[in-house]
Amino acid sequence: MTQKKFSTAWKGSSQRRKQRKYRHNAPLHIKQSFMSAHLSDDLQKKYGRRAIQLRKGDTVRIMRGEHRGKIGKVNRVLLKKTRIYIDGIIRPKKEGVPSPIPVHPSKVMITEAVTDDKLRKLKMSKETKA
């Protein structure tokens, strides 16, 4: 009997290796939920939520790392690697060619969200009651 790579029945574990395995082997529709970022204070008040999922076109501010404080639009979202690419965040390669820098979504804050999608508007308007 072969083991499945991913189990939807997994409840959680305190072992880091099992947490890493779950995140690494997750299908893309579940990895999408890992692509969440905090909202700015004014957006938190507006939508009544602390964080939402990132998507192409959102304007974000980098909160950690070498490029802290820079603001740009998300121009690419990689679900497989759990990284985003932001306009203007580049590093010159050895040959001098500019190369975009991948950024983890937990290191950014959304300052403007794209709301032209009906489904996203609906998700953002819902307030989660605990």
C-alpha atoms as a PDB file:
ATOM      1  CA  MET A   1       0.000   0.000   0.000  1.00  0.00           C
ATOM      2  CA  THR A   2       1.402   3.387  -0.960  1.00  0.00           C
ATOM      3  CA  GLN A   3       0.904   6.456   1.149  1.00  0.00           C
ATOM      4  CA  LYS A   4      -0.754   9.548  -0.260  1.00  0.00           C
ATOM      5  CA  LYS A   5       1.384  12.680  -0.397  1.00  0.00           C
ATOM      6  CA  PHE A   6      -1.382  14.850   1.001  1.00  0.00           C
ATOM      7  CA  SER A   7      -4.205  14.068   3.379  1.00  0.00           C
ATOM      8  CA  THR A   8      -7.212  16.332   3.856  1.00  0.00           C
ATOM      9  CA  ALA A   9      -7.924  14.560   7.164  1.00  0.00           C
ATOM     10  CA  TRP A  10      -4.690  15.849   8.721  1.00  0.00           C
ATOM     11  CA  LYS A  11      -5.542  17.638  11.956  1.00  0.00           C
ATOM     12  CA  GLY A  12      -2.152  19.126  12.778  1.00  0.00           C
ATOM     13  CA  SER A  13       1.021  18.241  14.567  1.00  0.00           C
ATOM     14  CA  SER A  14       3.556  19.885  16.819  1.00  0.00           C
ATOM     15  CA  GLN A  15       6.319  18.254  14.773  1.00  0.00           C
ATOM     16  CA  ARG A  16       7.837  20.795  12.392  1.00  0.00           C
ATOM     17  CA  ARG A  17       8.706  18.152   9.789  1.00  0.00           C
ATOM     18  CA  LYS A  18       5.042  17.149   9.472  1.00  0.00           C
ATOM     19  CA  GLN A  19       3.970  20.784   9.190  1.00  0.00           C
ATOM     20  CA  ARG A  20       6.530  21.324   6.409  1.00  0.00           C
ATOM     21  CA  LYS A  21       5.386  18.151   4.633  1.00  0.00           C
ATOM     22  CA  TYR A  22       1.733  19.289   4.782  1.00  0.00           C
ATOM     23  CA  ARG A  23       2.518  22.714   3.324  1.00  0.00           C
ATOM     24  CA  HIS A  24       4.909  21.383   0.690  1.00  0.00           C
ATOM     25  CA  ASN A  25       2.608  18.630  -0.608  1.00  0.00           C
ATOM     26  CA  ALA A  26      -0.622  20.644  -0.455  1.00  0.00           C
ATOM     27  CA  PRO A  27      -2.566  21.051  -3.710  1.00  0.00           C
ATOM     28  CA  LEU A  28      -2.736  24.526  -5.230  1.00  0.00           C
ATOM     29  CA  HIS A  29      -6.287  25.300  -4.084  1.00  0.00           C
ATOM     30  CA  ILE A  30      -5.097  24.875  -0.483  1.00  0.00           C
ATOM     31  CA  LYS A  31      -1.781  26.652  -1.088  1.00  0.00           C
ATOM     32  CA  GLN A  32      -3.827  29.692  -2.140  1.00  0.00           C
ATOM     33  CA  SER A  33      -4.886  30.109   1.501  1.00  0.00           C
ATOM     34  CA  PHE A  34      -1.194  30.292   2.506  1.00  0.00           C
ATOM     35  CA  MET A  35      -0.873  33.431   0.343  1.00  0.00           C
ATOM     36  CA  SER A  36      -2.463  35.746   2.920  1.00  0.00           C
ATOM     37  CA  ALA A  37      -1.088  39.111   3.993  1.00  0.00           C
ATOM     38  CA  HIS A  38      -2.055  41.629   6.643  1.00  0.00           C
ATOM     39  CA  LEU A  39      -4.179  44.625   5.731  1.00  0.00           C
ATOM     40  CA  SER A  40      -3.209  48.211   6.552  1.00  0.00           C
ATOM     41  CA  ASP A  41      -5.026  49.847   9.479  1.00  0.00           C
ATOM     42  CA  ASP A  42      -7.506  51.768   7.307  1.00  0.00           C
ATOM     43  CA  LEU A  43      -8.369  48.640   5.267  1.00  0.00           C
ATOM     44  CA  GLN A  44      -8.810  46.641   8.495  1.00  0.00           C
ATOM     45  CA  LYS A  45     -11.379  49.182   9.677  1.00  0.00           C
ATOM     46  CA  LYS A  46     -13.071  49.262   6.270  1.00  0.00           C
ATOM     47  CA  TYR A  47     -13.434  45.495   5.819  1.00  0.00           C
ATOM     48  CA  GLY A  48     -13.456  44.329   9.448  1.00  0.00           C
ATOM     49  CA  ARG A  49     -10.740  41.781   8.734  1.00  0.00           C
ATOM     50  CA  ARG A  50      -7.084  41.525   9.662  1.00  0.00           C
ATOM     51  CA  ALA A  51      -5.771  39.713   6.583  1.00  0.00           C
ATOM     52  CA  ILE A  52      -6.837  38.640   3.087  1.00  0.00           C
ATOM     53  CA  GLN A  53      -5.356  36.540   0.303  1.00  0.00           C
ATOM     54  CA  LEU A  54      -2.979  38.309  -2.059  1.00  0.00           C
ATOM     55  CA  ARG A  55      -3.610  38.563  -5.774  1.00  0.00           C
ATOM     56  CA  LYS A  56      -2.096  40.217  -8.815  1.00  0.00           C
ATOM     57  CA  GLY A  57      -2.687  43.966  -8.857  1.00  0.00           C
ATOM     58  CA  ASP A  58      -2.745  44.548  -5.094  1.00  0.00           C
ATOM     59  CA  THR A  59      -0.515  47.365  -3.839  1.00  0.00           C
ATOM     60  CA  VAL A  60       1.712  46.244  -0.981  1.00  0.00           C
ATOM     61  CA  ARG A  61       4.348  47.682   1.354  1.00  0.00           C
ATOM     62  CA  ILE A  62       7.339  45.505   2.231  1.00  0.00           C
ATOM     63  CA  MET A  63       7.663  45.263   6.010  1.00  0.00           C
ATOM     64  CA  ARG A  64      10.812  43.141   6.429  1.00  0.00           C
ATOM     65  CA  GLY A  65      14.192  42.718   4.830  1.00  0.00           C
ATOM     66  CA  GLU A  66      16.497  44.742   2.645  1.00  0.00           C
ATOM     67  CA  HIS A  67      13.640  46.505   0.815  1.00  0.00           C
ATOM     68  CA  ARG A  68      11.641  47.452   3.933  1.00  0.00           C
ATOM     69  CA  GLY A  69       9.312  50.404   3.398  1.00  0.00           C
ATOM     70  CA  LYS A  70       9.125  50.139  -0.404  1.00  0.00           C
ATOM     71  CA  ILE A  71       5.698  50.132  -2.023  1.00  0.00           C
ATOM     72  CA  GLY A  72       4.743  48.436  -5.269  1.00  0.00           C
ATOM     73  CA  LYS A  73       2.126  46.434  -7.128  1.00  0.00           C
ATOM     74  CA  VAL A  74       2.086  42.651  -7.107  1.00  0.00           C
ATOM     75  CA  ASN A  75       2.739  41.577 -10.678  1.00  0.00           C
ATOM     76  CA  ARG A  76       3.119  37.811 -10.196  1.00  0.00           C
ATOM     77  CA  VAL A  77       1.965  35.255  -7.624  1.00  0.00           C
ATOM     78  CA  LEU A  78       3.671  31.854  -7.437  1.00  0.00           C
ATOM     79  CA  LEU A  79       1.537  29.383  -5.499  1.00  0.00           C
ATOM     80  CA  LYS A  80       4.004  26.502  -5.842  1.00  0.00           C
ATOM     81  CA  LYS A  81       6.809  28.448  -4.179  1.00  0.00           C
ATOM     82  CA  THR A  82       4.565  30.610  -1.936  1.00  0.00           C
ATOM     83  CA  ARG A  83       6.208  33.794  -3.220  1.00  0.00           C
ATOM     84  CA  ILE A  84       5.137  37.037  -4.891  1.00  0.00           C
ATOM     85  CA  TYR A  85       6.956  39.402  -7.238  1.00  0.00           C
ATOM     86  CA  ILE A  86       6.539  43.153  -6.797  1.00  0.00           C
ATOM     87  CA  ASP A  87       7.130  45.862  -9.414  1.00  0.00           C
ATOM     88  CA  GLY A  88      10.361  47.751  -8.790  1.00  0.00           C
ATOM     89  CA  ILE A  89      11.888  45.196  -6.415  1.00  0.00           C
ATOM     90  CA  ILE A  90      14.862  43.962  -8.424  1.00  0.00           C
ATOM     91  CA  ARG A  91      18.471  42.895  -7.915  1.00  0.00           C
ATOM     92  CA  PRO A  92      21.163  43.135 -10.611  1.00  0.00           C
ATOM     93  CA  LYS A  93      22.631  39.768 -11.544  1.00  0.00           C
ATOM     94  CA  LYS A  94      26.326  39.156 -12.115  1.00  0.00           C
ATOM     95  CA  GLU A  95      25.938  40.017 -15.822  1.00  0.00           C
ATOM     96  CA  GLY A  96      24.172  43.283 -14.899  1.00  0.00           C
ATOM     97  CA  VAL A  97      20.728  42.082 -15.974  1.00  0.00           C
ATOM     98  CA  PRO A  98      18.011  43.082 -13.470  1.00  0.00           C
ATOM     99  CA  SER A  99      16.279  40.138 -11.799  1.00  0.00           C
ATOM    100  CA  PRO A 100      13.037  40.330  -9.766  1.00  0.00           C
ATOM    101  CA  ILE A 101      13.277  39.312  -6.113  1.00  0.00           C
ATOM    102  CA  PRO A 102      10.727  36.817  -4.742  1.00  0.00           C
ATOM    103  CA  VAL A 103       9.053  37.949  -1.498  1.00  0.00           C
ATOM    104  CA  HIS A 104       7.116  35.813   0.992  1.00  0.00           C
ATOM    105  CA  PRO A 105       3.538  37.092   1.482  1.00  0.00           C
ATOM    106  CA  SER A 106       3.900  37.225   5.282  1.00  0.00           C
ATOM    107  CA  LYS A 107       6.541  39.947   4.876  1.00  0.00           C
ATOM    108  CA  VAL A 108       4.218  42.444   3.166  1.00  0.00           C
ATOM    109  CA  MET A 109       1.177  44.516   4.106  1.00  0.00           C
ATOM    110  CA  ILE A 110      -1.642  45.259   1.671  1.00  0.00           C
ATOM    111  CA  THR A 111      -2.209  49.008   1.307  1.00  0.00           C
ATOM    112  CA  GLU A 112      -4.664  48.866  -1.644  1.00  0.00           C
ATOM    113  CA  ALA A 113      -6.693  45.840  -2.658  1.00  0.00           C
ATOM    114  CA  VAL A 114      -8.111  45.088  -6.102  1.00  0.00           C
ATOM    115  CA  THR A 115     -11.894  44.737  -5.750  1.00  0.00           C
ATOM    116  CA  ASP A 116     -13.043  44.395  -9.350  1.00  0.00           C
ATOM    117  CA  ASP A 117     -13.851  40.706  -8.751  1.00  0.00           C
ATOM    118  CA  LYS A 118     -17.329  39.903  -7.349  1.00  0.00           C
ATOM    119  CA  LEU A 119     -16.090  36.876  -5.407  1.00  0.00           C
ATOM    120  CA  ARG A 120     -13.289  38.837  -3.769  1.00  0.00           C
ATOM    121  CA  LYS A 121     -15.673  41.636  -2.777  1.00  0.00           C
ATOM    122  CA  LEU A 122     -17.918  39.034  -1.178  1.00  0.00           C
ATOM    123  CA  LYS A 123     -15.042  37.423   0.744  1.00  0.00           C
ATOM    124  CA  MET A 124     -13.752  40.783   1.935  1.00  0.00           C
ATOM    125  CA  SER A 125     -17.159  41.997   3.078  1.00  0.00           C
ATOM    126  CA  LYS A 126     -17.724  38.923   5.273  1.00  0.00           C
ATOM    127  CA  GLU A 127     -16.785  39.502   8.878  1.00  0.00           C
ATOM    128  CA  THR A 128     -15.509  36.444  10.677  1.00  0.00           C
ATOM    129  CA  LYS A 129     -17.259  36.016  14.000  1.00  0.00           C
ATOM    130  CA  ALA A 130     -15.491  33.857  16.563  1.00  0.00           C
END
